[in-house]
């Protein structure tokens, strides 16, 4: 919902895969209205927040989740601007990788 002046009540998080998006949504849905979808092979979690009253709590919750998931950073959009949320260290063993076709010899 647009509140005018480019302000919205929704924060959109980008995740590397739908499984991660589902895990984040499961964590958040007890406190916020959450939806998960995929656009152009990007998993998205949309979270509705009350006007600025619980944004800090949401961001702290997601920051902790990013650290526990060993993602290191995720992108999010708020009020039409894109930001990076960084937390923890990367565990490359758990980062999804695209399938690579073997080259023909």
N, C-alpha and C. Protein backbone atom coordinates (compact mmCIF):
# COMPACT_ATOMS: atom_id res chain seq x y z
N UNK A 1 0.84 -1.18 0.00
CA UNK A 1 0.00 0.00 0.00
C UNK A 1 0.88 1.24 0.00
N UNK A 2 0.58 2.15 -0.87
CA UNK A 2 1.35 3.39 -0.97
C UNK A 2 0.78 4.42 0.00
N UNK A 3 1.65 4.99 0.83
CA UNK A 3 1.22 6.00 1.80
C UNK A 3 1.42 7.41 1.29
N UNK A 4 1.84 7.55 0.05
CA UNK A 4 2.14 8.87 -0.50
C UNK A 4 3.60 9.21 -0.31
N UNK A 5 4.11 10.11 -1.08
CA UNK A 5 5.51 10.54 -1.01
C UNK A 5 6.48 9.37 -1.19
N UNK A 6 6.05 8.32 -1.89
CA UNK A 6 6.93 7.19 -2.14
C UNK A 6 7.07 6.24 -0.97
N UNK A 7 6.33 6.46 0.13
CA UNK A 7 6.40 5.58 1.30
C UNK A 7 5.39 4.45 1.16
N UNK A 8 5.80 3.26 1.56
CA UNK A 8 4.91 2.11 1.48
C UNK A 8 4.88 1.39 2.82
N UNK A 9 3.92 0.48 2.94
CA UNK A 9 3.81 -0.35 4.13
C UNK A 9 4.40 -1.73 3.88
N UNK A 10 5.11 -1.92 2.79
CA UNK A 10 5.63 -3.23 2.44
C UNK A 10 7.15 -3.19 2.29
N UNK A 11 7.79 -4.22 2.84
CA UNK A 11 9.22 -4.43 2.63
C UNK A 11 9.33 -5.72 1.82
N UNK A 12 10.13 -5.69 0.76
CA UNK A 12 10.30 -6.86 -0.10
C UNK A 12 11.74 -7.36 0.00
N UNK A 13 11.90 -8.62 0.39
CA UNK A 13 13.22 -9.24 0.51
C UNK A 13 13.45 -10.19 -0.64
N UNK A 14 14.66 -10.17 -1.21
CA UNK A 14 15.05 -11.10 -2.27
C UNK A 14 15.89 -12.21 -1.67
N UNK A 15 15.54 -13.46 -2.01
CA UNK A 15 16.25 -14.61 -1.49
C UNK A 15 16.80 -15.45 -2.64
N UNK A 16 17.86 -16.23 -2.38
CA UNK A 16 18.47 -17.01 -3.46
C UNK A 16 17.59 -18.14 -3.98
N UNK A 17 16.63 -18.62 -3.18
CA UNK A 17 15.77 -19.70 -3.65
C UNK A 17 14.43 -19.70 -2.90
N UNK A 18 13.46 -20.42 -3.45
CA UNK A 18 12.13 -20.46 -2.84
C UNK A 18 12.14 -21.14 -1.48
N UNK A 19 13.01 -22.12 -1.29
CA UNK A 19 13.08 -22.80 0.00
C UNK A 19 13.48 -21.82 1.10
N UNK A 20 14.46 -20.97 0.83
CA UNK A 20 14.86 -19.96 1.79
C UNK A 20 13.76 -18.94 2.02
N UNK A 21 13.06 -18.57 0.96
CA UNK A 21 11.95 -17.63 1.08
C UNK A 21 10.85 -18.22 1.97
N UNK A 22 10.58 -19.51 1.80
CA UNK A 22 9.57 -20.17 2.63
C UNK A 22 10.00 -20.21 4.09
N UNK A 23 11.28 -20.47 4.34
CA UNK A 23 11.77 -20.48 5.73
C UNK A 23 11.64 -19.10 6.37
N UNK A 24 12.00 -18.05 5.63
CA UNK A 24 11.88 -16.70 6.17
C UNK A 24 10.42 -16.35 6.42
N UNK A 25 9.56 -16.68 5.48
CA UNK A 25 8.13 -16.39 5.64
C UNK A 25 7.56 -17.11 6.86
N UNK A 26 7.97 -18.34 7.08
CA UNK A 26 7.50 -19.10 8.24
C UNK A 26 7.91 -18.41 9.53
N UNK A 27 9.12 -17.90 9.58
CA UNK A 27 9.60 -17.18 10.76
C UNK A 27 8.79 -15.90 11.00
N UNK A 28 8.50 -15.18 9.94
CA UNK A 28 7.89 -13.85 10.07
C UNK A 28 6.38 -13.86 10.23
N UNK A 29 5.72 -14.90 9.77
CA UNK A 29 4.26 -14.86 9.69
C UNK A 29 3.54 -14.80 11.03
N UNK A 30 4.26 -15.06 12.13
CA UNK A 30 3.59 -14.96 13.42
C UNK A 30 3.39 -13.49 13.85
N UNK A 31 4.14 -12.57 13.24
CA UNK A 31 4.03 -11.16 13.62
C UNK A 31 3.59 -10.23 12.50
N UNK A 32 3.81 -10.66 11.25
CA UNK A 32 3.51 -9.80 10.10
C UNK A 32 2.75 -10.58 9.04
N UNK A 33 2.02 -9.85 8.20
CA UNK A 33 1.38 -10.45 7.03
C UNK A 33 2.47 -10.64 5.98
N UNK A 34 2.60 -11.86 5.48
CA UNK A 34 3.73 -12.22 4.61
C UNK A 34 3.20 -12.95 3.38
N UNK A 35 3.83 -12.68 2.23
CA UNK A 35 3.55 -13.47 1.03
C UNK A 35 4.87 -13.82 0.36
N UNK A 36 4.87 -14.97 -0.32
CA UNK A 36 6.05 -15.46 -1.03
C UNK A 36 5.68 -15.63 -2.49
N UNK A 37 6.53 -15.17 -3.38
CA UNK A 37 6.33 -15.39 -4.81
C UNK A 37 7.67 -15.40 -5.52
N UNK A 38 7.62 -15.66 -6.79
CA UNK A 38 8.83 -15.71 -7.59
C UNK A 38 8.61 -14.90 -8.86
N UNK A 39 9.56 -14.02 -9.16
CA UNK A 39 9.52 -13.21 -10.37
C UNK A 39 10.88 -13.31 -11.06
N UNK A 40 10.87 -13.68 -12.32
CA UNK A 40 12.11 -13.79 -13.10
C UNK A 40 13.17 -14.59 -12.35
N UNK A 41 12.78 -15.75 -11.81
CA UNK A 41 13.68 -16.67 -11.09
C UNK A 41 14.26 -16.07 -9.81
N UNK A 42 13.63 -15.04 -9.26
CA UNK A 42 14.05 -14.46 -7.99
C UNK A 42 12.95 -14.72 -6.97
N UNK A 43 13.30 -15.35 -5.85
CA UNK A 43 12.34 -15.61 -4.78
C UNK A 43 12.16 -14.34 -3.96
N UNK A 44 10.91 -13.97 -3.73
CA UNK A 44 10.59 -12.73 -3.02
C UNK A 44 9.70 -12.99 -1.82
N UNK A 45 9.99 -12.28 -0.74
CA UNK A 45 9.13 -12.31 0.44
C UNK A 45 8.67 -10.88 0.68
N UNK A 46 7.37 -10.67 0.60
CA UNK A 46 6.77 -9.36 0.86
C UNK A 46 6.21 -9.36 2.27
N UNK A 47 6.55 -8.33 3.04
CA UNK A 47 6.10 -8.23 4.42
C UNK A 47 5.38 -6.90 4.62
N UNK A 48 4.13 -6.97 5.08
CA UNK A 48 3.38 -5.75 5.38
C UNK A 48 3.70 -5.31 6.80
N UNK A 49 4.04 -4.04 6.95
CA UNK A 49 4.36 -3.50 8.26
C UNK A 49 3.41 -2.35 8.57
N UNK A 50 3.22 -2.13 9.85
CA UNK A 50 2.45 -0.96 10.26
C UNK A 50 3.34 0.26 9.99
N UNK A 51 2.76 1.38 9.69
CA UNK A 51 3.56 2.56 9.31
C UNK A 51 4.68 2.88 10.30
N UNK A 52 5.84 2.37 9.98
CA UNK A 52 7.10 2.68 10.66
C UNK A 52 7.17 2.21 12.12
N UNK A 53 6.10 1.63 12.65
CA UNK A 53 6.13 1.27 14.06
C UNK A 53 6.92 0.01 14.34
N UNK A 54 6.95 -0.93 13.38
CA UNK A 54 7.67 -2.16 13.66
C UNK A 54 8.74 -2.49 12.63
N UNK A 55 9.18 -1.50 11.89
CA UNK A 55 10.23 -1.73 10.89
C UNK A 55 11.53 -2.18 11.56
N UNK A 56 11.92 -1.54 12.64
CA UNK A 56 13.18 -1.91 13.31
C UNK A 56 13.14 -3.35 13.79
N UNK A 57 12.02 -3.75 14.37
CA UNK A 57 11.87 -5.13 14.84
C UNK A 57 11.96 -6.13 13.69
N UNK A 58 11.30 -5.81 12.59
CA UNK A 58 11.36 -6.66 11.40
C UNK A 58 12.80 -6.79 10.92
N UNK A 59 13.50 -5.68 10.80
CA UNK A 59 14.86 -5.72 10.27
C UNK A 59 15.80 -6.49 11.20
N UNK A 60 15.65 -6.35 12.51
CA UNK A 60 16.47 -7.13 13.45
C UNK A 60 16.18 -8.62 13.32
N UNK A 61 14.92 -8.96 13.16
CA UNK A 61 14.54 -10.37 13.01
C UNK A 61 15.14 -10.95 11.74
N UNK A 62 15.03 -10.23 10.63
CA UNK A 62 15.57 -10.71 9.35
C UNK A 62 17.10 -10.75 9.42
N UNK A 63 17.72 -9.78 10.04
CA UNK A 63 19.18 -9.77 10.19
C UNK A 63 19.66 -11.03 10.92
N UNK A 64 19.00 -11.39 12.00
CA UNK A 64 19.35 -12.61 12.73
C UNK A 64 19.17 -13.84 11.88
N UNK A 65 18.09 -13.88 11.10
CA UNK A 65 17.83 -15.02 10.23
C UNK A 65 18.91 -15.14 9.15
N UNK A 66 19.30 -14.02 8.55
CA UNK A 66 20.35 -14.02 7.52
C UNK A 66 21.65 -14.59 8.10
N UNK A 67 21.99 -14.20 9.31
CA UNK A 67 23.20 -14.71 9.95
C UNK A 67 23.08 -16.22 10.20
N UNK A 68 21.94 -16.68 10.72
CA UNK A 68 21.76 -18.11 11.00
C UNK A 68 21.77 -18.94 9.73
N UNK A 69 21.26 -18.36 8.64
CA UNK A 69 21.23 -19.07 7.35
C UNK A 69 22.56 -19.02 6.62
N UNK A 70 23.53 -18.27 7.15
CA UNK A 70 24.87 -18.12 6.54
C UNK A 70 24.79 -17.54 5.13
N UNK A 71 23.89 -16.60 4.92
CA UNK A 71 23.74 -15.98 3.60
C UNK A 71 24.66 -14.79 3.40
N UNK A 72 25.12 -14.18 4.45
CA UNK A 72 25.98 -13.00 4.49
C UNK A 72 25.24 -11.71 4.15
N UNK A 73 24.39 -11.73 3.10
CA UNK A 73 23.68 -10.51 2.72
C UNK A 73 22.49 -10.86 1.83
N UNK A 74 21.44 -10.05 1.94
CA UNK A 74 20.31 -10.15 1.02
C UNK A 74 19.88 -8.74 0.63
N UNK A 75 19.23 -8.64 -0.53
CA UNK A 75 18.71 -7.34 -0.96
C UNK A 75 17.29 -7.19 -0.45
N UNK A 76 16.92 -5.95 -0.17
CA UNK A 76 15.53 -5.67 0.16
C UNK A 76 15.15 -4.31 -0.39
N UNK A 77 13.86 -4.14 -0.62
CA UNK A 77 13.34 -2.88 -1.15
C UNK A 77 12.38 -2.29 -0.14
N UNK A 78 12.55 -1.00 0.10
CA UNK A 78 11.68 -0.26 1.00
C UNK A 78 11.49 1.13 0.42
N UNK A 79 10.26 1.55 0.30
CA UNK A 79 9.92 2.88 -0.21
C UNK A 79 10.54 3.15 -1.58
N UNK A 80 10.59 2.11 -2.43
CA UNK A 80 11.07 2.27 -3.79
C UNK A 80 12.59 2.30 -3.92
N UNK A 81 13.32 2.07 -2.84
CA UNK A 81 14.78 2.05 -2.87
C UNK A 81 15.27 0.66 -2.50
N UNK A 82 16.38 0.26 -3.10
CA UNK A 82 16.96 -1.05 -2.83
C UNK A 82 18.15 -0.90 -1.89
N UNK A 83 18.20 -1.79 -0.90
CA UNK A 83 19.26 -1.79 0.11
C UNK A 83 19.83 -3.20 0.24
N UNK A 84 20.96 -3.30 0.91
CA UNK A 84 21.58 -4.59 1.22
C UNK A 84 21.60 -4.74 2.73
N UNK A 85 21.10 -5.89 3.21
CA UNK A 85 21.15 -6.22 4.63
C UNK A 85 22.25 -7.26 4.80
N UNK A 86 23.29 -6.91 5.55
CA UNK A 86 24.42 -7.81 5.77
C UNK A 86 24.41 -8.32 7.20
N UNK A 87 24.73 -9.60 7.36
CA UNK A 87 24.81 -10.19 8.70
C UNK A 87 25.54 -11.52 8.62
N UNK A 88 26.42 -11.78 9.59
CA UNK A 88 27.09 -13.07 9.68
C UNK A 88 28.11 -13.29 8.57
N UNK A 89 28.48 -14.54 8.42
CA UNK A 89 29.46 -14.96 7.43
C UNK A 89 28.83 -15.93 6.45
N UNK A 90 29.37 -16.02 5.26
CA UNK A 90 28.88 -16.92 4.23
C UNK A 90 29.39 -18.33 4.50
N UNK A 91 28.49 -19.30 4.38
CA UNK A 91 28.88 -20.71 4.35
C UNK A 91 28.60 -21.17 2.93
N UNK A 92 29.62 -21.15 2.10
CA UNK A 92 29.47 -21.41 0.67
C UNK A 92 28.90 -22.79 0.37
N UNK A 93 29.01 -23.71 1.30
CA UNK A 93 28.47 -25.06 1.07
C UNK A 93 26.94 -25.04 0.97
N UNK A 94 26.29 -24.03 1.56
CA UNK A 94 24.83 -23.96 1.57
C UNK A 94 24.25 -22.98 0.58
N UNK A 95 25.08 -22.25 -0.15
CA UNK A 95 24.59 -21.28 -1.12
C UNK A 95 24.18 -22.02 -2.39
N UNK A 96 22.93 -21.86 -2.84
CA UNK A 96 22.50 -22.54 -4.06
C UNK A 96 23.32 -22.08 -5.26
N UNK A 97 23.66 -23.03 -6.11
CA UNK A 97 24.43 -22.70 -7.31
C UNK A 97 23.62 -23.12 -8.53
N UNK A 98 23.65 -22.31 -9.58
CA UNK A 98 22.94 -22.69 -10.80
C UNK A 98 23.63 -23.90 -11.45
N UNK A 99 22.83 -24.71 -12.09
CA UNK A 99 23.39 -25.86 -12.81
C UNK A 99 24.23 -25.37 -13.99
N UNK A 100 25.39 -25.98 -14.17
CA UNK A 100 26.29 -25.62 -15.25
C UNK A 100 26.39 -26.82 -16.18
N UNK A 101 26.12 -26.57 -17.46
CA UNK A 101 26.21 -27.63 -18.44
C UNK A 101 27.66 -27.91 -18.77
N UNK A 102 27.99 -29.18 -18.90
CA UNK A 102 29.35 -29.56 -19.26
C UNK A 102 29.63 -29.17 -20.71
N UNK A 103 30.83 -28.65 -20.94
CA UNK A 103 31.20 -28.24 -22.30
C UNK A 103 31.49 -29.48 -23.15
N UNK A 104 31.10 -29.40 -24.38
CA UNK A 104 31.38 -30.51 -25.31
C UNK A 104 32.85 -30.45 -25.69
N UNK A 105 33.50 -31.61 -25.70
CA UNK A 105 34.94 -31.66 -26.00
C UNK A 105 35.21 -31.57 -27.47
